[in-house]
Protein backbone atom coordinates (compact mmCIF):
# COMPACT_ATOMS: atom_id res chain seq x y z
CA UNK A 1 86.43 123.83 29.25
CA UNK A 2 88.22 127.04 28.09
CA UNK A 3 92.18 127.12 27.39
CA UNK A 4 94.78 130.24 27.69
CA UNK A 5 97.66 130.23 25.78
CA UNK A 6 100.39 132.70 26.52
CA UNK A 7 103.14 133.21 23.92
CA UNK A 8 106.06 135.16 23.20
CA UNK A 9 106.56 137.29 20.11
CA UNK A 10 109.93 137.25 18.87
CA UNK A 11 110.48 141.09 18.56
CA UNK A 12 108.69 141.84 21.88
CA UNK A 13 108.93 140.97 25.67
CA UNK A 14 105.31 141.25 26.49
CA UNK A 15 103.26 137.56 26.71
CA UNK A 16 100.28 137.72 24.73
CA UNK A 17 97.31 135.58 25.42
CA UNK A 18 94.68 133.84 23.09
CA UNK A 19 91.68 132.08 24.64
CA UNK A 20 89.69 129.32 23.11
CA UNK A 21 87.08 127.07 24.11
CA UNK A 22 88.55 123.21 23.34
CA UNK A 23 91.72 121.66 23.23
CA UNK A 24 91.45 121.16 19.73
CA UNK A 25 91.21 124.39 19.21
CA UNK A 26 94.05 125.18 21.63
CA UNK A 27 96.15 122.67 19.30
CA UNK A 28 95.40 124.38 16.39
CA UNK A 29 96.33 127.87 17.93
CA UNK A 30 99.72 126.90 19.37
CA UNK A 31 100.74 125.31 15.87
CA UNK A 32 100.10 128.45 14.12
CA UNK A 33 101.81 130.71 16.85
CA UNK A 34 104.63 128.59 16.88
CA UNK A 35 105.39 128.65 13.41
CA UNK A 36 104.45 132.56 12.98
CA UNK A 37 104.69 134.37 15.85
CA UNK A 38 107.18 133.15 18.58
CA UNK A 39 107.87 131.02 21.85
CA UNK A 40 104.94 129.41 23.71
CA UNK A 41 104.98 130.35 27.14
CA UNK A 42 102.24 128.52 28.97
CA UNK A 43 98.80 126.49 28.35
CA UNK A 44 96.23 127.35 31.17
CA UNK A 45 92.63 125.93 31.74
CA UNK A 46 90.39 126.76 34.82
CA UNK A 47 89.99 123.17 35.61
CA UNK A 48 93.40 121.95 34.93
CA UNK A 49 95.79 124.73 36.08
CA UNK A 50 98.75 125.38 34.11
CA UNK A 51 99.22 122.10 31.61
CA UNK A 52 101.89 121.57 28.99
CA UNK A 53 101.54 120.41 25.15
CA UNK A 54 101.18 116.94 25.64
CA UNK A 55 98.51 117.08 28.34
CA UNK A 56 96.89 119.35 26.00
CA UNK A 57 96.82 116.62 23.44
CA UNK A 58 95.42 113.91 25.86
CA UNK A 59 92.42 116.22 26.62
CA UNK A 60 92.01 116.82 22.79
CA UNK A 61 91.72 113.29 22.40
CA UNK A 62 89.22 112.88 25.54
CA UNK A 63 86.94 115.76 23.96
CA UNK A 64 86.91 114.00 20.51
CA UNK A 65 86.00 110.71 22.13
CA UNK A 66 83.18 112.41 24.25
CA UNK A 67 81.75 114.46 21.00
CA UNK A 68 79.11 112.31 19.46
CA UNK A 69 79.63 111.57 16.12
CA UNK A 70 77.29 112.50 13.47
CA UNK A 71 76.42 110.52 10.26
CA UNK A 72 75.80 111.84 7.06
């Protein structure tokens, strides 16, 4: 599932967006953006529509549980 993250740069009036392929990646992008770029505007997914950060955390947890664990 893909996620689009919209954010507002501190020095700009335009909303910029980044697209990632997993909820875990989306959380990493959001954490980085909140520290360096500006304000989170939205998180969207084709299947879920617009979601909040808490729902994204739930989806990331579900993704982690669904991924096969590899042993070394």
